[in-house]
């Protein structure tokens, strides 16, 4: 898995530092790298920042709304994976 520093996240997504600080303050993203040497943010957190940025900038969603949308998006992805696993298990038993 790749990890990114704060500076890399800001540059990759062309973000304002204040926006990233707001996402961290609201716990929409968290520093989740195993060590500071590899960076601060995982690919998963980078994706959360990207989606939050799009929601706020393009759809004018506030941070609280972005947090809810991100959580629901992840729950839907998890359900999708569970359904795929269930379908494979049913197929295997048939």
PDB file of N, CA and C in Angstrom:
ATOM      1  N   UNK A   1       0.844  -1.171   0.000  1.00  0.00           N
ATOM      2  CA  UNK A   1       0.000   0.000   0.000  1.00  0.00           C
ATOM      3  C   UNK A   1       0.890   1.235   0.000  1.00  0.00           C
ATOM      4  N   UNK A   2       0.435   2.245  -0.704  1.00  0.00           N
ATOM      5  CA  UNK A   2       1.167   3.503  -0.765  1.00  0.00           C
ATOM      6  C   UNK A   2       0.672   4.459   0.305  1.00  0.00           C
ATOM      7  N   UNK A   3       1.584   5.286   0.776  1.00  0.00           N
ATOM      8  CA  UNK A   3       1.254   6.315   1.758  1.00  0.00           C
ATOM      9  C   UNK A   3       1.767   7.648   1.261  1.00  0.00           C
ATOM     10  N   UNK A   4       1.112   8.708   1.697  1.00  0.00           N
ATOM     11  CA  UNK A   4       1.406  10.044   1.201  1.00  0.00           C
ATOM     12  C   UNK A   4       1.616  11.008   2.361  1.00  0.00           C
ATOM     13  N   UNK A   5       2.526  11.936   2.165  1.00  0.00           N
ATOM     14  CA  UNK A   5       2.724  12.986   3.156  1.00  0.00           C
ATOM     15  C   UNK A   5       1.632  14.038   2.966  1.00  0.00           C
ATOM     16  N   UNK A   6       1.503  14.882   3.945  1.00  0.00           N
ATOM     17  CA  UNK A   6       0.540  15.980   3.848  1.00  0.00           C
ATOM     18  C   UNK A   6       0.839  16.831   2.617  1.00  0.00           C
ATOM     19  N   UNK A   7       2.115  17.120   2.407  1.00  0.00           N
ATOM     20  CA  UNK A   7       2.516  17.941   1.256  1.00  0.00           C
ATOM     21  C   UNK A   7       2.125  17.267  -0.056  1.00  0.00           C
ATOM     22  N   UNK A   8       2.333  15.957  -0.152  1.00  0.00           N
ATOM     23  CA  UNK A   8       1.967  15.235  -1.368  1.00  0.00           C
ATOM     24  C   UNK A   8       0.461  15.275  -1.606  1.00  0.00           C
ATOM     25  N   UNK A   9      -0.321  15.112  -0.550  1.00  0.00           N
ATOM     26  CA  UNK A   9      -1.783  15.168  -0.689  1.00  0.00           C
ATOM     27  C   UNK A   9      -2.195  16.542  -1.197  1.00  0.00           C
ATOM     28  N   UNK A  10      -1.632  17.578  -0.611  1.00  0.00           N
ATOM     29  CA  UNK A  10      -1.964  18.939  -1.025  1.00  0.00           C
ATOM     30  C   UNK A  10      -1.606  19.174  -2.491  1.00  0.00           C
ATOM     31  N   UNK A  11      -0.454  18.677  -2.908  1.00  0.00           N
ATOM     32  CA  UNK A  11      -0.024  18.876  -4.294  1.00  0.00           C
ATOM     33  C   UNK A  11      -0.813  18.016  -5.274  1.00  0.00           C
ATOM     34  N   UNK A  12      -1.011  16.740  -4.946  1.00  0.00           N
ATOM     35  CA  UNK A  12      -1.728  15.832  -5.846  1.00  0.00           C
ATOM     36  C   UNK A  12      -3.153  16.296  -6.119  1.00  0.00           C
ATOM     37  N   UNK A  13      -3.815  16.780  -5.079  1.00  0.00           N
ATOM     38  CA  UNK A  13      -5.218  17.161  -5.221  1.00  0.00           C
ATOM     39  C   UNK A  13      -5.414  18.664  -5.369  1.00  0.00           C
ATOM     40  N   UNK A  14      -4.289  19.391  -5.422  1.00  0.00           N
ATOM     41  CA  UNK A  14      -4.335  20.851  -5.543  1.00  0.00           C
ATOM     42  C   UNK A  14      -5.252  21.453  -4.485  1.00  0.00           C
ATOM     43  N   UNK A  15      -4.977  21.070  -3.242  1.00  0.00           N
ATOM     44  CA  UNK A  15      -5.803  21.480  -2.104  1.00  0.00           C
ATOM     45  C   UNK A  15      -5.219  22.665  -1.377  1.00  0.00           C
ATOM     46  N   UNK A  16      -6.099  23.379  -0.719  1.00  0.00           N
ATOM     47  CA  UNK A  16      -5.711  24.390   0.236  1.00  0.00           C
ATOM     48  C   UNK A  16      -5.440  23.683   1.564  1.00  0.00           C
ATOM     49  N   UNK A  17      -4.378  24.060   2.250  1.00  0.00           N
ATOM     50  CA  UNK A  17      -4.029  23.419   3.515  1.00  0.00           C
ATOM     51  C   UNK A  17      -5.164  23.538   4.536  1.00  0.00           C
ATOM     52  N   UNK A  18      -5.874  24.637   4.501  1.00  0.00           N
ATOM     53  CA  UNK A  18      -6.988  24.833   5.435  1.00  0.00           C
ATOM     54  C   UNK A  18      -8.088  23.802   5.243  1.00  0.00           C
ATOM     55  N   UNK A  19      -8.342  23.418   4.003  1.00  0.00           N
ATOM     56  CA  UNK A  19      -9.370  22.421   3.739  1.00  0.00           C
ATOM     57  C   UNK A  19      -8.969  21.072   4.324  1.00  0.00           C
ATOM     58  N   UNK A  20      -7.711  20.684   4.119  1.00  0.00           N
ATOM     59  CA  UNK A  20      -7.240  19.419   4.680  1.00  0.00           C
ATOM     60  C   UNK A  20      -7.290  19.471   6.204  1.00  0.00           C
ATOM     61  N   UNK A  21      -6.924  20.594   6.776  1.00  0.00           N
ATOM     62  CA  UNK A  21      -7.003  20.756   8.233  1.00  0.00           C
ATOM     63  C   UNK A  21      -8.440  20.591   8.708  1.00  0.00           C
ATOM     64  N   UNK A  22      -9.391  21.148   7.976  1.00  0.00           N
ATOM     65  CA  UNK A  22     -10.807  21.001   8.333  1.00  0.00           C
ATOM     66  C   UNK A  22     -11.250  19.547   8.278  1.00  0.00           C
ATOM     67  N   UNK A  23     -10.797  18.826   7.253  1.00  0.00           N
ATOM     68  CA  UNK A  23     -11.150  17.409   7.143  1.00  0.00           C
ATOM     69  C   UNK A  23     -10.586  16.613   8.317  1.00  0.00           C
ATOM     70  N   UNK A  24      -9.381  16.958   8.738  1.00  0.00           N
ATOM     71  CA  UNK A  24      -8.772  16.290   9.890  1.00  0.00           C
ATOM     72  C   UNK A  24      -9.489  16.666  11.184  1.00  0.00           C
ATOM     73  N   UNK A  25      -9.817  17.926  11.342  1.00  0.00           N
ATOM     74  CA  UNK A  25     -10.508  18.394  12.548  1.00  0.00           C
ATOM     75  C   UNK A  25     -11.863  17.719  12.700  1.00  0.00           C
ATOM     76  N   UNK A  26     -12.568  17.576  11.590  1.00  0.00           N
ATOM     77  CA  UNK A  26     -13.896  16.950  11.603  1.00  0.00           C
ATOM     78  C   UNK A  26     -13.805  15.421  11.580  1.00  0.00           C
ATOM     79  N   UNK A  27     -12.584  14.893  11.532  1.00  0.00           N
ATOM     80  CA  UNK A  27     -12.318  13.459  11.485  1.00  0.00           C
ATOM     81  C   UNK A  27     -12.941  12.777  10.272  1.00  0.00           C
ATOM     82  N   UNK A  28     -13.025  13.533   9.188  1.00  0.00           N
ATOM     83  CA  UNK A  28     -13.465  12.967   7.918  1.00  0.00           C
ATOM     84  C   UNK A  28     -12.324  12.149   7.324  1.00  0.00           C
ATOM     85  N   UNK A  29     -11.116  12.602   7.553  1.00  0.00           N
ATOM     86  CA  UNK A  29      -9.917  11.826   7.243  1.00  0.00           C
ATOM     87  C   UNK A  29      -9.058  11.787   8.500  1.00  0.00           C
ATOM     88  N   UNK A  30      -8.245  10.763   8.586  1.00  0.00           N
ATOM     89  CA  UNK A  30      -7.349  10.613   9.735  1.00  0.00           C
ATOM     90  C   UNK A  30      -5.961  10.241   9.225  1.00  0.00           C
ATOM     91  N   UNK A  31      -4.971  10.558  10.015  1.00  0.00           N
ATOM     92  CA  UNK A  31      -3.619  10.114   9.713  1.00  0.00           C
ATOM     93  C   UNK A  31      -3.570   8.640  10.076  1.00  0.00           C
ATOM     94  N   UNK A  32      -3.345   7.800   9.061  1.00  0.00           N
ATOM     95  CA  UNK A  32      -3.462   6.351   9.292  1.00  0.00           C
ATOM     96  C   UNK A  32      -2.256   5.548   8.820  1.00  0.00           C
ATOM     97  N   UNK A  33      -1.160   6.219   8.519  1.00  0.00           N
ATOM     98  CA  UNK A  33       0.048   5.493   8.114  1.00  0.00           C
ATOM     99  C   UNK A  33       0.659   4.811   9.330  1.00  0.00           C
ATOM    100  N   UNK A  34       1.277   3.649   9.133  1.00  0.00           N
ATOM    101  CA  UNK A  34       1.851   2.929  10.268  1.00  0.00           C
ATOM    102  C   UNK A  34       3.021   3.652  10.923  1.00  0.00           C
ATOM    103  N   UNK A  35       3.772   4.410  10.135  1.00  0.00           N
ATOM    104  CA  UNK A  35       4.888   5.180  10.686  1.00  0.00           C
ATOM    105  C   UNK A  35       4.999   6.499   9.938  1.00  0.00           C
ATOM    106  N   UNK A  36       5.580   7.482  10.585  1.00  0.00           N
ATOM    107  CA  UNK A  36       5.774   8.783   9.944  1.00  0.00           C
ATOM    108  C   UNK A  36       6.758   8.699   8.785  1.00  0.00           C
ATOM    109  N   UNK A  37       7.637   7.709   8.816  1.00  0.00           N
ATOM    110  CA  UNK A  37       8.636   7.572   7.755  1.00  0.00           C
ATOM    111  C   UNK A  37       8.010   7.262   6.396  1.00  0.00           C
ATOM    112  N   UNK A  38       6.887   6.555   6.389  1.00  0.00           N
ATOM    113  CA  UNK A  38       6.265   6.183   5.112  1.00  0.00           C
ATOM    114  C   UNK A  38       5.276   7.236   4.625  1.00  0.00           C
ATOM    115  N   UNK A  39       4.929   8.178   5.460  1.00  0.00           N
ATOM    116  CA  UNK A  39       3.961   9.203   5.106  1.00  0.00           C
ATOM    117  C   UNK A  39       2.951   9.368   6.218  1.00  0.00           C
ATOM    118  N   UNK A  40       1.836   9.964   5.890  1.00  0.00           N
ATOM    119  CA  UNK A  40       0.793  10.188   6.888  1.00  0.00           C
ATOM    120  C   UNK A  40      -0.549   9.567   6.495  1.00  0.00           C
ATOM    121  N   UNK A  41      -0.836   9.555   5.195  1.00  0.00           N
ATOM    122  CA  UNK A  41      -2.163   9.163   4.732  1.00  0.00           C
ATOM    123  C   UNK A  41      -2.090   7.969   3.791  1.00  0.00           C
ATOM    124  N   UNK A  42      -2.975   7.002   4.006  1.00  0.00           N
ATOM    125  CA  UNK A  42      -3.066   5.843   3.119  1.00  0.00           C
ATOM    126  C   UNK A  42      -3.779   6.223   1.828  1.00  0.00           C
ATOM    127  N   UNK A  43      -3.754   5.300   0.871  1.00  0.00           N
ATOM    128  CA  UNK A  43      -4.500   5.501  -0.374  1.00  0.00           C
ATOM    129  C   UNK A  43      -5.989   5.692  -0.085  1.00  0.00           C
ATOM    130  N   UNK A  44      -6.488   4.957   0.911  1.00  0.00           N
ATOM    131  CA  UNK A  44      -7.907   5.080   1.293  1.00  0.00           C
ATOM    132  C   UNK A  44      -8.221   6.491   1.758  1.00  0.00           C
ATOM    133  N   UNK A  45      -7.341   7.070   2.565  1.00  0.00           N
ATOM    134  CA  UNK A  45      -7.566   8.431   3.044  1.00  0.00           C
ATOM    135  C   UNK A  45      -7.416   9.442   1.914  1.00  0.00           C
ATOM    136  N   UNK A  46      -6.474   9.189   1.008  1.00  0.00           N
ATOM    137  CA  UNK A  46      -6.323  10.065  -0.152  1.00  0.00           C
ATOM    138  C   UNK A  46      -7.623  10.081  -0.959  1.00  0.00           C
ATOM    139  N   UNK A  47      -8.221   8.921  -1.144  1.00  0.00           N
ATOM    140  CA  UNK A  47      -9.498   8.832  -1.869  1.00  0.00           C
ATOM    141  C   UNK A  47     -10.603   9.566  -1.114  1.00  0.00           C
ATOM    142  N   UNK A  48     -10.625   9.437   0.213  1.00  0.00           N
ATOM    143  CA  UNK A  48     -11.630  10.164   1.003  1.00  0.00           C
ATOM    144  C   UNK A  48     -11.471  11.676   0.840  1.00  0.00           C
ATOM    145  N   UNK A  49     -10.230  12.139   0.834  1.00  0.00           N
ATOM    146  CA  UNK A  49      -9.982  13.572   0.633  1.00  0.00           C
ATOM    147  C   UNK A  49     -10.473  13.992  -0.742  1.00  0.00           C
ATOM    148  N   UNK A  50     -10.154  13.198  -1.762  1.00  0.00           N
ATOM    149  CA  UNK A  50     -10.565  13.522  -3.130  1.00  0.00           C
ATOM    150  C   UNK A  50     -12.086  13.607  -3.259  1.00  0.00           C
ATOM    151  N   UNK A  51     -12.780  12.631  -2.696  1.00  0.00           N
ATOM    152  CA  UNK A  51     -14.244  12.622  -2.785  1.00  0.00           C
ATOM    153  C   UNK A  51     -14.826  13.797  -1.992  1.00  0.00           C
ATOM    154  N   UNK A  52     -14.308  14.040  -0.803  1.00  0.00           N
ATOM    155  CA  UNK A  52     -14.783  15.171   0.004  1.00  0.00           C
ATOM    156  C   UNK A  52     -14.567  16.482  -0.743  1.00  0.00           C
ATOM    157  N   UNK A  53     -13.423  16.618  -1.369  1.00  0.00           N
ATOM    158  CA  UNK A  53     -13.120  17.827  -2.142  1.00  0.00           C
ATOM    159  C   UNK A  53     -14.160  18.017  -3.243  1.00  0.00           C
ATOM    160  N   UNK A  54     -14.466  16.945  -3.973  1.00  0.00           N
ATOM    161  CA  UNK A  54     -15.457  17.035  -5.048  1.00  0.00           C
ATOM    162  C   UNK A  54     -16.843  17.371  -4.513  1.00  0.00           C
ATOM    163  N   UNK A  55     -17.218  16.754  -3.407  1.00  0.00           N
ATOM    164  CA  UNK A  55     -18.535  17.026  -2.827  1.00  0.00           C
ATOM    165  C   UNK A  55     -18.666  18.491  -2.404  1.00  0.00           C
ATOM    166  N   UNK A  56     -17.642  18.986  -1.733  1.00  0.00           N
ATOM    167  CA  UNK A  56     -17.694  20.362  -1.228  1.00  0.00           C
ATOM    168  C   UNK A  56     -17.583  21.363  -2.374  1.00  0.00           C
ATOM    169  N   UNK A  57     -16.639  21.148  -3.250  1.00  0.00           N
ATOM    170  CA  UNK A  57     -16.381  22.108  -4.330  1.00  0.00           C
ATOM    171  C   UNK A  57     -17.459  22.064  -5.413  1.00  0.00           C
ATOM    172  N   UNK A  58     -17.777  20.882  -5.908  1.00  0.00           N
ATOM    173  CA  UNK A  58     -18.649  20.764  -7.071  1.00  0.00           C
ATOM    174  C   UNK A  58     -20.130  20.717  -6.723  1.00  0.00           C
ATOM    175  N   UNK A  59     -20.447  20.089  -5.594  1.00  0.00           N
ATOM    176  CA  UNK A  59     -21.857  19.926  -5.234  1.00  0.00           C
ATOM    177  C   UNK A  59     -22.295  20.822  -4.076  1.00  0.00           C
ATOM    178  N   UNK A  60     -21.345  21.603  -3.552  1.00  0.00           N
ATOM    179  CA  UNK A  60     -21.618  22.546  -2.470  1.00  0.00           C
ATOM    180  C   UNK A  60     -22.196  21.866  -1.224  1.00  0.00           C
ATOM    181  N   UNK A  61     -21.718  20.659  -0.956  1.00  0.00           N
ATOM    182  CA  UNK A  61     -22.102  19.921   0.251  1.00  0.00           C
ATOM    183  C   UNK A  61     -21.234  20.431   1.390  1.00  0.00           C
ATOM    184  N   UNK A  62     -21.807  20.606   2.580  1.00  0.00           N
ATOM    185  CA  UNK A  62     -20.990  21.031   3.718  1.00  0.00           C
ATOM    186  C   UNK A  62     -20.206  19.838   4.262  1.00  0.00           C
ATOM    187  N   UNK A  63     -19.282  20.103   5.177  1.00  0.00           N
ATOM    188  CA  UNK A  63     -18.424  19.030   5.684  1.00  0.00           C
ATOM    189  C   UNK A  63     -19.203  17.930   6.389  1.00  0.00           C
ATOM    190  N   UNK A  64     -20.230  18.298   7.140  1.00  0.00           N
ATOM    191  CA  UNK A  64     -21.042  17.279   7.821  1.00  0.00           C
ATOM    192  C   UNK A  64     -21.720  16.373   6.794  1.00  0.00           C
ATOM    193  N   UNK A  65     -22.238  16.961   5.737  1.00  0.00           N
ATOM    194  CA  UNK A  65     -22.862  16.175   4.675  1.00  0.00           C
ATOM    195  C   UNK A  65     -21.857  15.294   3.964  1.00  0.00           C
ATOM    196  N   UNK A  66     -20.666  15.828   3.727  1.00  0.00           N
ATOM    197  CA  UNK A  66     -19.616  15.042   3.079  1.00  0.00           C
ATOM    198  C   UNK A  66     -19.246  13.838   3.938  1.00  0.00           C
ATOM    199  N   UNK A  67     -19.175  14.037   5.248  1.00  0.00           N
ATOM    200  CA  UNK A  67     -18.838  12.926   6.153  1.00  0.00           C
ATOM    201  C   UNK A  67     -19.886  11.823   6.061  1.00  0.00           C
ATOM    202  N   UNK A  68     -21.151  12.204   6.037  1.00  0.00           N
ATOM    203  CA  UNK A  68     -22.230  11.217   5.940  1.00  0.00           C
ATOM    204  C   UNK A  68     -22.173  10.487   4.605  1.00  0.00           C
ATOM    205  N   UNK A  69     -21.969  11.225   3.533  1.00  0.00           N
ATOM    206  CA  UNK A  69     -21.908  10.617   2.208  1.00  0.00           C
ATOM    207  C   UNK A  69     -20.736   9.645   2.113  1.00  0.00           C
ATOM    208  N   UNK A  70     -19.590  10.035   2.637  1.00  0.00           N
ATOM    209  CA  UNK A  70     -18.427   9.150   2.616  1.00  0.00           C
ATOM    210  C   UNK A  70     -18.685   7.872   3.405  1.00  0.00           C
ATOM    211  N   UNK A  71     -19.291   8.000   4.575  1.00  0.00           N
ATOM    212  CA  UNK A  71     -19.594   6.817   5.390  1.00  0.00           C
ATOM    213  C   UNK A  71     -20.560   5.897   4.652  1.00  0.00           C
ATOM    214  N   UNK A  72     -21.612   6.475   4.073  1.00  0.00           N
ATOM    215  CA  UNK A  72     -22.593   5.665   3.348  1.00  0.00           C
ATOM    216  C   UNK A  72     -21.963   5.010   2.115  1.00  0.00           C
ATOM    217  N   UNK A  73     -21.080   5.725   1.449  1.00  0.00           N
ATOM    218  CA  UNK A  73     -20.390   5.194   0.281  1.00  0.00           C
ATOM    219  C   UNK A  73     -19.553   3.971   0.660  1.00  0.00           C
ATOM    220  N   UNK A  74     -18.861   4.068   1.779  1.00  0.00           N
ATOM    221  CA  UNK A  74     -18.047   2.943   2.237  1.00  0.00           C
ATOM    222  C   UNK A  74     -18.906   1.775   2.701  1.00  0.00           C
ATOM    223  N   UNK A  75     -20.028   2.077   3.349  1.00  0.00           N
ATOM    224  CA  UNK A  75     -20.937   1.001   3.766  1.00  0.00           C
ATOM    225  C   UNK A  75     -21.506   0.284   2.554  1.00  0.00           C
ATOM    226  N   UNK A  76     -21.851   1.026   1.508  1.00  0.00           N
ATOM    227  CA  UNK A  76     -22.372   0.402   0.293  1.00  0.00           C
ATOM    228  C   UNK A  76     -21.311  -0.478  -0.368  1.00  0.00           C
ATOM    229  N   UNK A  77     -20.077  -0.023  -0.403  1.00  0.00           N
ATOM    230  CA  UNK A  77     -18.992  -0.825  -0.980  1.00  0.00           C
ATOM    231  C   UNK A  77     -18.803  -2.101  -0.175  1.00  0.00           C
ATOM    232  N   UNK A  78     -18.875  -1.996   1.149  1.00  0.00           N
ATOM    233  CA  UNK A  78     -18.743  -3.169   2.004  1.00  0.00           C
ATOM    234  C   UNK A  78     -19.885  -4.156   1.744  1.00  0.00           C
ATOM    235  N   UNK A  79     -21.103  -3.659   1.639  1.00  0.00           N
ATOM    236  CA  UNK A  79     -22.249  -4.525   1.341  1.00  0.00           C
ATOM    237  C   UNK A  79     -22.088  -5.194  -0.023  1.00  0.00           C
ATOM    238  N   UNK A  80     -21.597  -4.456  -0.969  1.00  0.00           N
ATOM    239  CA  UNK A  80     -21.369  -5.007  -2.308  1.00  0.00           C
ATOM    240  C   UNK A  80     -20.385  -6.178  -2.243  1.00  0.00           C
ATOM    241  N   UNK A  81     -19.295  -5.998  -1.499  1.00  0.00           N
ATOM    242  CA  UNK A  81     -18.317  -7.077  -1.358  1.00  0.00           C
ATOM    243  C   UNK A  81     -18.919  -8.286  -0.648  1.00  0.00           C
ATOM    244  N   UNK A  82     -19.729  -8.029   0.363  1.00  0.00           N
ATOM    245  CA  UNK A  82     -20.374  -9.145   1.075  1.00  0.00           C
ATOM    246  C   UNK A  82     -21.314  -9.908   0.151  1.00  0.00           C
ATOM    247  N   UNK A  83     -22.067  -9.188  -0.668  1.00  0.00           N
ATOM    248  CA  UNK A  83     -22.974  -9.844  -1.609  1.00  0.00           C
ATOM    249  C   UNK A  83     -22.202 -10.665  -2.637  1.00  0.00           C
ATOM    250  N   UNK A  84     -21.084 -10.144  -3.103  1.00  0.00           N
ATOM    251  CA  UNK A  84     -20.251 -10.913  -4.027  1.00  0.00           C
ATOM    252  C   UNK A  84     -19.755 -12.198  -3.369  1.00  0.00           C
ATOM    253  N   UNK A  85     -19.318 -12.098  -2.118  1.00  0.00           N
ATOM    254  CA  UNK A  85     -18.858 -13.281  -1.382  1.00  0.00           C
ATOM    255  C   UNK A  85     -19.990 -14.286  -1.218  1.00  0.00           C
ATOM    256  N   UNK A  86     -21.171 -13.800  -0.892  1.00  0.00           N
ATOM    257  CA  UNK A  86     -22.327 -14.669  -0.720  1.00  0.00           C
ATOM    258  C   UNK A  86     -22.685 -15.355  -2.037  1.00  0.00           C
ATOM    259  N   UNK A  87     -22.639 -14.613  -3.127  1.00  0.00           N
ATOM    260  CA  UNK A  87     -22.945 -15.195  -4.434  1.00  0.00           C
ATOM    261  C   UNK A  87     -21.934 -16.281  -4.799  1.00  0.00           C
ATOM    262  N   UNK A  88     -20.661 -16.043  -4.508  1.00  0.00           N
ATOM    263  CA  UNK A  88     -19.638 -17.063  -4.767  1.00  0.00           C
ATOM    264  C   UNK A  88     -19.884 -18.309  -3.922  1.00  0.00           C
ATOM    265  N   UNK A  89     -20.257 -18.116  -2.664  1.00  0.00           N
ATOM    266  CA  UNK A  89     -20.513 -19.251  -1.773  1.00  0.00           C
ATOM    267  C   UNK A  89     -21.724 -20.049  -2.245  1.00  0.00           C
ATOM    268  N   UNK A  90     -22.755 -19.367  -2.678  1.00  0.00           N
ATOM    269  CA  UNK A  90     -23.947 -20.059  -3.191  1.00  0.00           C
ATOM    270  C   UNK A  90     -23.598 -20.839  -4.459  1.00  0.00           C
ATOM    271  N   UNK A  91     -22.811 -20.211  -5.323  1.00  0.00           N
ATOM    272  CA  UNK A  91     -22.411 -20.884  -6.560  1.00  0.00           C
ATOM    273  C   UNK A  91     -21.547 -22.107  -6.259  1.00  0.00           C
ATOM    274  N   UNK A  92     -20.662 -21.973  -5.283  1.00  0.00           N
ATOM    275  CA  UNK A  92     -19.792 -23.082  -4.907  1.00  0.00           C
ATOM    276  C   UNK A  92     -20.596 -24.258  -4.366  1.00  0.00           C
ATOM    277  N   UNK A  93     -21.649 -23.983  -3.623  1.00  0.00           N
ATOM    278  CA  UNK A  93     -22.464 -25.042  -3.023  1.00  0.00           C
ATOM    279  C   UNK A  93     -23.434 -25.679  -4.009  1.00  0.00           C
ATOM    280  N   UNK A  94     -23.670 -25.021  -5.132  1.00  0.00           N
ATOM    281  CA  UNK A  94     -24.624 -25.550  -6.119  1.00  0.00           C
ATOM    282  C   UNK A  94     -24.045 -26.680  -6.927  1.00  0.00           C
TER     283      UNK A  94
END
